[in-house]
Each structure stands twice: as C-alpha cells, then as structure tokens.
Protein backbone atom coordinates (compact mmCIF):
# COMPACT_ATOMS: atom_id res chain seq x y z
CA MET A 1 24.10 -31.15 13.91
CA GLU A 2 27.45 -32.54 12.75
CA TRP A 3 30.17 -30.23 11.47
CA GLY A 4 29.72 -29.66 7.74
CA ALA A 5 26.17 -31.04 7.66
CA VAL A 6 23.58 -29.09 5.68
CA SER A 7 20.53 -27.84 7.60
CA SER A 8 16.97 -28.37 6.37
CA GLU A 9 16.62 -24.60 5.78
CA GLU A 10 19.73 -24.58 3.57
CA LYS A 11 18.40 -27.57 1.61
CA GLU A 12 15.09 -25.77 1.09
CA VAL A 13 16.80 -22.60 -0.18
CA SER A 14 19.08 -24.67 -2.45
CA THR A 15 16.08 -26.50 -3.93
CA ILE A 16 14.31 -23.19 -4.66
CA LEU A 17 17.41 -21.73 -6.33
CA GLU A 18 17.96 -24.84 -8.44
CA SER A 19 14.34 -24.85 -9.60
CA GLY A 20 14.71 -21.28 -10.90
CA SER A 21 11.28 -20.29 -9.53
CA GLN A 22 11.01 -16.57 -8.76
CA ARG A 23 7.32 -16.25 -8.11
CA THR A 24 5.85 -15.16 -4.79
CA LEU A 25 4.18 -18.27 -3.41
CA SER A 26 3.10 -16.41 -0.28
CA PRO A 27 3.74 -12.93 1.14
CA TYR A 28 7.04 -12.62 2.98
CA VAL A 29 7.72 -8.92 3.62
CA THR A 30 4.47 -6.93 3.61
CA GLY A 31 3.38 -3.33 4.00
CA THR A 32 0.18 -2.19 5.71
CA SER A 33 -2.79 -0.06 4.66
CA VAL A 34 -2.64 2.75 2.09
CA LEU A 35 -5.28 5.50 2.18
CA GLY A 36 -6.27 7.91 -0.57
CA LEU A 37 -8.86 10.63 -1.08
CA LYS A 38 -9.65 13.48 -3.41
CA TYR A 39 -9.62 17.05 -2.15
CA LYS A 40 -10.26 20.45 -3.72
CA ASP A 41 -6.94 20.79 -5.57
CA GLY A 42 -5.93 17.19 -6.20
CA VAL A 43 -5.42 13.77 -4.62
CA ILE A 44 -3.76 12.93 -1.31
CA MET A 45 -2.43 9.58 -0.05
CA ALA A 46 -1.05 8.34 3.24
CA ALA A 47 0.65 5.22 4.57
CA ASP A 48 2.95 4.16 7.37
CA MET A 49 6.50 3.03 6.68
CA GLY A 50 6.58 -0.34 8.40
CA ALA A 51 7.07 -3.68 6.64
CA GLN A 52 6.34 -6.91 8.42
CA LYS A 53 8.52 -9.97 7.88
CA LEU A 54 6.40 -13.13 7.88
CA ASN A 55 8.34 -16.22 8.92
CA THR A 56 7.60 -19.47 7.15
CA ARG A 57 7.70 -21.30 10.48
CA CYS A 58 4.45 -20.59 12.29
CA SER A 59 6.00 -20.95 15.71
CA TYR A 60 8.15 -17.85 15.10
CA GLY A 61 5.19 -15.62 14.36
CA SER A 62 6.08 -12.36 12.59
CA THR A 63 8.51 -9.50 13.00
CA LEU A 64 8.21 -5.81 12.15
CA ARG A 65 11.54 -5.96 10.35
CA TYR A 66 11.73 -2.81 8.22
CA LYS A 67 10.73 0.65 9.43
CA SER A 68 11.58 2.95 6.53
CA VAL A 69 9.70 1.43 3.58
CA GLU A 70 8.14 3.94 1.19
CA GLN A 71 4.79 2.58 0.03
CA ILE A 72 3.90 5.58 -2.16
CA LYS A 73 5.77 6.42 -5.37
CA PRO A 74 5.29 8.95 -8.22
CA ILE A 75 4.65 7.45 -11.66
CA GLY A 76 5.33 9.72 -14.62
CA LYS A 77 4.08 13.31 -14.52
CA HIS A 78 0.48 12.87 -13.41
CA THR A 79 0.20 9.83 -11.12
CA LEU A 80 0.84 8.60 -7.58
CA LEU A 81 0.89 4.89 -6.77
CA GLY A 82 0.51 3.40 -3.30
CA ALA A 83 0.78 -0.30 -2.49
CA SER A 84 0.17 -2.57 0.46
CA GLY A 85 1.15 -6.22 0.48
CA GLU A 86 4.35 -7.92 -0.67
CA ILE A 87 7.14 -5.35 -1.07
CA SER A 88 9.13 -7.33 -3.64
CA ASP A 89 6.04 -7.59 -5.85
CA PHE A 90 5.56 -3.83 -5.51
CA GLN A 91 9.14 -3.39 -6.73
CA GLU A 92 8.32 -5.61 -9.72
CA ILE A 93 5.27 -3.47 -10.51
CA LEU A 94 7.44 -0.35 -10.37
CA ARG A 95 9.78 -1.96 -12.93
CA TYR A 96 6.81 -2.65 -15.21
CA LEU A 97 5.72 0.96 -14.90
CA ASP A 98 9.23 2.31 -15.54
CA GLU A 99 9.26 0.42 -18.84
CA LEU A 100 5.77 1.68 -19.67
CA ILE A 101 6.65 5.33 -18.98
CA ILE A 102 9.91 5.11 -20.97
CA TYR A 103 8.10 3.50 -23.92
CA ASP A 104 5.43 6.21 -23.81
CA HIS A 105 8.07 8.94 -23.63
CA MET A 106 9.88 7.54 -26.69
CA TRP A 107 6.92 8.44 -28.90
CA ASP A 108 7.68 12.13 -28.23
CA ASP A 109 4.16 13.11 -29.29
CA GLY A 110 3.55 15.71 -26.58
CA ASN A 111 1.21 13.39 -24.67
CA SER A 112 1.88 11.45 -21.48
CA LEU A 113 0.09 8.72 -19.58
CA GLY A 114 -2.40 9.89 -16.96
CA PRO A 115 -3.68 8.17 -13.81
CA LYS A 116 -6.64 6.58 -15.62
CA GLU A 117 -4.34 4.91 -18.16
CA VAL A 118 -2.02 3.69 -15.40
CA HIS A 119 -5.01 2.35 -13.45
CA ASN A 120 -6.31 0.44 -16.48
CA TYR A 121 -2.84 -0.94 -17.21
CA LEU A 122 -2.40 -2.20 -13.64
CA ASN A 123 -5.86 -3.75 -13.69
CA ARG A 124 -4.85 -5.79 -16.76
CA VAL A 125 -1.47 -6.73 -15.24
CA MET A 126 -3.00 -7.95 -11.97
CA TYR A 127 -5.75 -9.91 -13.73
CA ASN A 128 -3.27 -11.44 -16.18
CA ARG A 129 -0.99 -12.62 -13.38
CA ARG A 130 -3.98 -13.98 -11.48
CA ASN A 131 -5.00 -16.05 -14.52
CA LYS A 132 -1.51 -17.54 -14.64
CA PHE A 133 -1.89 -18.59 -10.98
CA ASN A 134 1.11 -16.37 -10.26
CA PRO A 135 -0.44 -13.25 -8.72
CA LEU A 136 1.31 -10.14 -7.53
CA TRP A 137 0.41 -10.02 -3.83
CA ASN A 138 -0.54 -6.35 -3.65
CA SER A 139 -3.49 -4.02 -3.33
CA LEU A 140 -2.82 -0.80 -5.22
CA VAL A 141 -4.10 2.77 -4.91
CA VAL A 142 -3.76 4.90 -8.06
CA GLY A 143 -4.41 8.63 -7.98
CA GLY A 144 -3.52 11.68 -9.97
CA VAL A 145 -4.49 14.85 -11.80
CA LYS A 146 -4.39 15.45 -15.55
CA ASN A 147 -5.96 18.29 -17.54
CA GLY A 148 -7.71 19.49 -14.39
CA GLN A 149 -9.41 16.13 -13.80
CA LYS A 150 -8.82 14.35 -10.49
CA TYR A 151 -8.71 10.56 -10.54
CA LEU A 152 -8.58 7.97 -7.76
CA GLY A 153 -8.94 4.22 -8.03
CA MET A 154 -7.95 0.92 -6.47
CA VAL A 155 -6.78 -2.42 -7.93
CA GLY A 156 -6.87 -5.66 -5.96
CA MET A 157 -4.58 -8.66 -6.11
CA ILE A 158 -6.79 -10.57 -8.55
CA GLY A 159 -7.68 -7.64 -10.77
CA THR A 160 -10.77 -6.32 -9.01
CA HIS A 161 -10.89 -2.56 -9.42
CA TYR A 162 -13.02 0.52 -8.87
CA GLU A 163 -12.93 4.32 -8.77
CA ASP A 164 -14.16 6.44 -5.86
CA ASN A 165 -13.67 9.72 -4.03
CA HIS A 166 -11.78 7.87 -1.28
CA VAL A 167 -10.18 4.43 -1.20
CA ALA A 168 -8.18 2.25 1.19
CA THR A 169 -6.41 -1.09 1.25
CA GLY A 170 -5.99 -3.72 3.96
CA PHE A 171 -7.49 -2.95 7.37
CA GLY A 172 -8.17 0.53 6.07
CA ASN A 173 -11.09 -0.89 4.06
CA HIS A 174 -12.79 -1.81 7.34
CA LEU A 175 -11.58 0.86 9.76
CA ALA A 176 -10.77 3.95 7.70
CA ARG A 177 -13.43 3.97 4.97
CA PRO A 178 -16.31 4.60 7.42
CA ILE A 179 -14.49 7.68 8.73
CA MET A 180 -13.83 8.95 5.22
CA ARG A 181 -17.44 8.35 4.17
CA ALA A 182 -18.67 10.40 7.12
CA GLU A 183 -16.24 13.32 6.77
CA TRP A 184 -15.33 13.57 3.06
CA ARG A 185 -16.72 16.37 0.92
CA GLU A 186 -15.76 17.65 -2.51
CA ASP A 187 -14.43 21.05 -1.41
CA LEU A 188 -11.96 19.80 1.22
CA THR A 189 -8.86 21.94 1.63
CA PHE A 190 -5.47 20.24 1.85
CA GLU A 191 -5.32 20.86 5.62
CA GLU A 192 -8.76 19.34 6.15
CA ALA A 193 -7.84 16.31 4.03
CA VAL A 194 -4.68 15.80 6.09
CA LYS A 195 -6.72 15.88 9.32
CA ILE A 196 -9.08 13.18 8.00
CA LEU A 197 -6.19 10.96 6.94
CA GLU A 198 -4.37 11.44 10.24
CA LYS A 199 -7.53 10.48 12.11
CA CYS A 200 -7.73 7.30 10.01
CA LEU A 201 -4.02 6.55 10.50
CA LEU A 202 -4.40 6.90 14.25
CA VAL A 203 -7.28 4.41 14.31
CA LEU A 204 -5.23 1.98 12.23
CA LEU A 205 -2.23 2.44 14.51
CA TYR A 206 -4.35 1.54 17.53
CA ARG A 207 -6.00 -1.47 15.89
CA ASP A 208 -3.47 -2.94 13.43
CA ARG A 209 -0.54 -4.63 15.14
CA SER A 210 1.52 -4.37 11.94
CA ALA A 211 1.27 -0.55 11.79
CA ILE A 212 3.97 1.76 13.18
CA ASN A 213 3.88 5.40 14.23
CA LYS A 214 5.89 6.64 11.26
CA PHE A 215 3.91 8.03 8.36
CA GLN A 216 4.25 9.73 5.00
CA ILE A 217 1.61 11.86 3.32
CA SER A 218 1.79 12.54 -0.42
CA LYS A 219 -0.22 14.85 -2.63
CA ILE A 220 -0.48 15.39 -6.36
CA THR A 221 -1.91 18.47 -8.06
CA GLU A 222 -1.54 20.13 -11.45
CA GLU A 223 1.76 21.55 -10.15
CA GLY A 224 3.24 18.11 -9.45
CA VAL A 225 3.95 15.64 -6.65
CA THR A 226 4.91 16.41 -3.04
CA ILE A 227 5.88 13.64 -0.60
CA SER A 228 6.31 14.62 3.04
CA GLU A 229 9.18 13.66 5.30
CA PRO A 230 8.30 10.82 7.72
CA TYR A 231 6.63 11.98 10.93
CA ALA A 232 4.81 10.54 13.96
CA LEU A 233 1.37 11.26 15.43
CA LYS A 234 0.61 11.98 19.07
CA THR A 235 -0.97 8.91 20.66
CA PHE A 236 -2.86 8.14 23.87
CA TRP A 237 -2.94 4.60 25.24
CA GLY A 238 -4.77 5.31 28.49
CA PHE A 239 -8.23 4.22 27.32
CA SER A 240 -9.82 1.69 29.65
CA ALA A 241 -10.56 -0.61 26.69
CA PHE A 242 -6.83 -0.79 25.97
CA GLN A 243 -5.97 -1.54 29.60
CA ASN A 244 -8.46 -4.41 29.84
CA PRO A 245 -9.41 -5.37 26.26
CA THR A 246 -11.19 -8.62 27.22
CA LYS A 247 -13.53 -7.10 29.79
CA GLY A 248 -17.08 -8.18 29.04
CA ALA A 249 -16.00 -10.55 26.25
CA GLU A 250 -17.61 -13.92 26.89
CA GLY A 251 -15.41 -16.91 26.26
CA SER A 252 -12.25 -14.87 25.80
CA TRP A 253 -8.87 -15.97 27.05
C-alpha cells in the first residue's frame, strides 16, 4: 500500500462514523453463559468473566480478548441482573436501568422497584427493540428478593421471557439446565446451591471454548447483594474422551 493511502478497514470505519449509526448489527464482544437458581434464603447467580472478541473477517476466527468482564450487576435494592451476549448492549441496558431507578427514587414514596418490575420492564425493552429491527443482542437473567418473595426470570434477545426456579443463558440452556433440574430443590442451603452452580460451570468450561476458568458468584437475600471475588475451579483434563475426542465418530476429521 502506498504511503498515505487509506486502507479498506479505515474506509469502512469512516463510512460507519459518517452515517451516524450506533446500532449493533452483529455481536462483536460477547460474554458467555449466566446461570441462576433459587435457594432457601434468596437467589444465586454465576458466570465466568471472559469476553470473546468476534472479528468481522472470518479468516481471523475469534479471540478471548477480555478476561475481567463482570456479567452480573446489582440493580436497585432488590435485584440482580446477569447478561450474556454483546457487552456494549449490556452497558446500554444498564444505562436504561440507572435512569429507571433514579426516576423511581425521585417519587420518594417509600416504595422501590422489585425484581418482577425490572423483569417486566426489560421484557418490554427487548421486545420493543426487536420490533424496530434494532435488537439488543443479549440474554438476561433477572433475580431478586422483595418482601420475602424470591423471584427469578429470563429475557431473551427478542423479548421471549419466563420465570422458573432455575434459569440459564447460552450453552447453559443445553448443558447446565439438565444438571439443575436433577439436583435443585426448594430448601437448598447457600453452600449446596454453590456446589450445583460450580458443577455446571465446570461442565461449561470443558465444553464451551469461549469460557474461561475465572468465575464470580453473586447472591441476593433480604439483607442485600453479595458478589464474590473472582476465583478458579480445579479442573482435570485427563479424560480419555478429551485426549481423543473423535474416537468412534464416523465421518469426523
């Protein structure tokens, strides 16, 4: 390329900036699965802290670029929010919620938004953006405790939503939910809930190439929110299926 010439990448960025478009046309920096379940005293969530950078050029593949991304945040007094998917869209959602909490606080009526209200609000936001063909590329887990009532729900990218005793996003829907269905019960202690989530996180670490061995666990009870420091799980990679993953697979490479 001649000195002073403009590359095709620079032209593309310049065109985007001139157009003024700020919407997420496709995910660029994404977080992995978020898990949540109810236990005896409240709601607990878990996620790893990796964020994958997806390159627009297919030949470059993808890179695990960021390794200290917090995917779980407290919202107001009674709610925890976890998000997988596009990190910048998650930041936009947090800005929406900051405005919502401030507006609610301004009424000074002694009431505050609970997890159910936040869940319903996010459901409307995601569905509204989907109808504008400008979705927020996230799957959200909303949990909390208010007036002694535990609440846990999930909102998808296009506004699909549900409540349950345990939820998951991403690969967790396929790999972690079966474990939680088999082992969850209503009277779980905090320690037992942590063991279930760590078992699920370990399975996801083994099976999801985007996951990293750096996790945070968060809980919310009537007393408030606690978010753990990042920590790693003990792993074992000596399984024969890991050493020869294509053994017995017909037609594999």
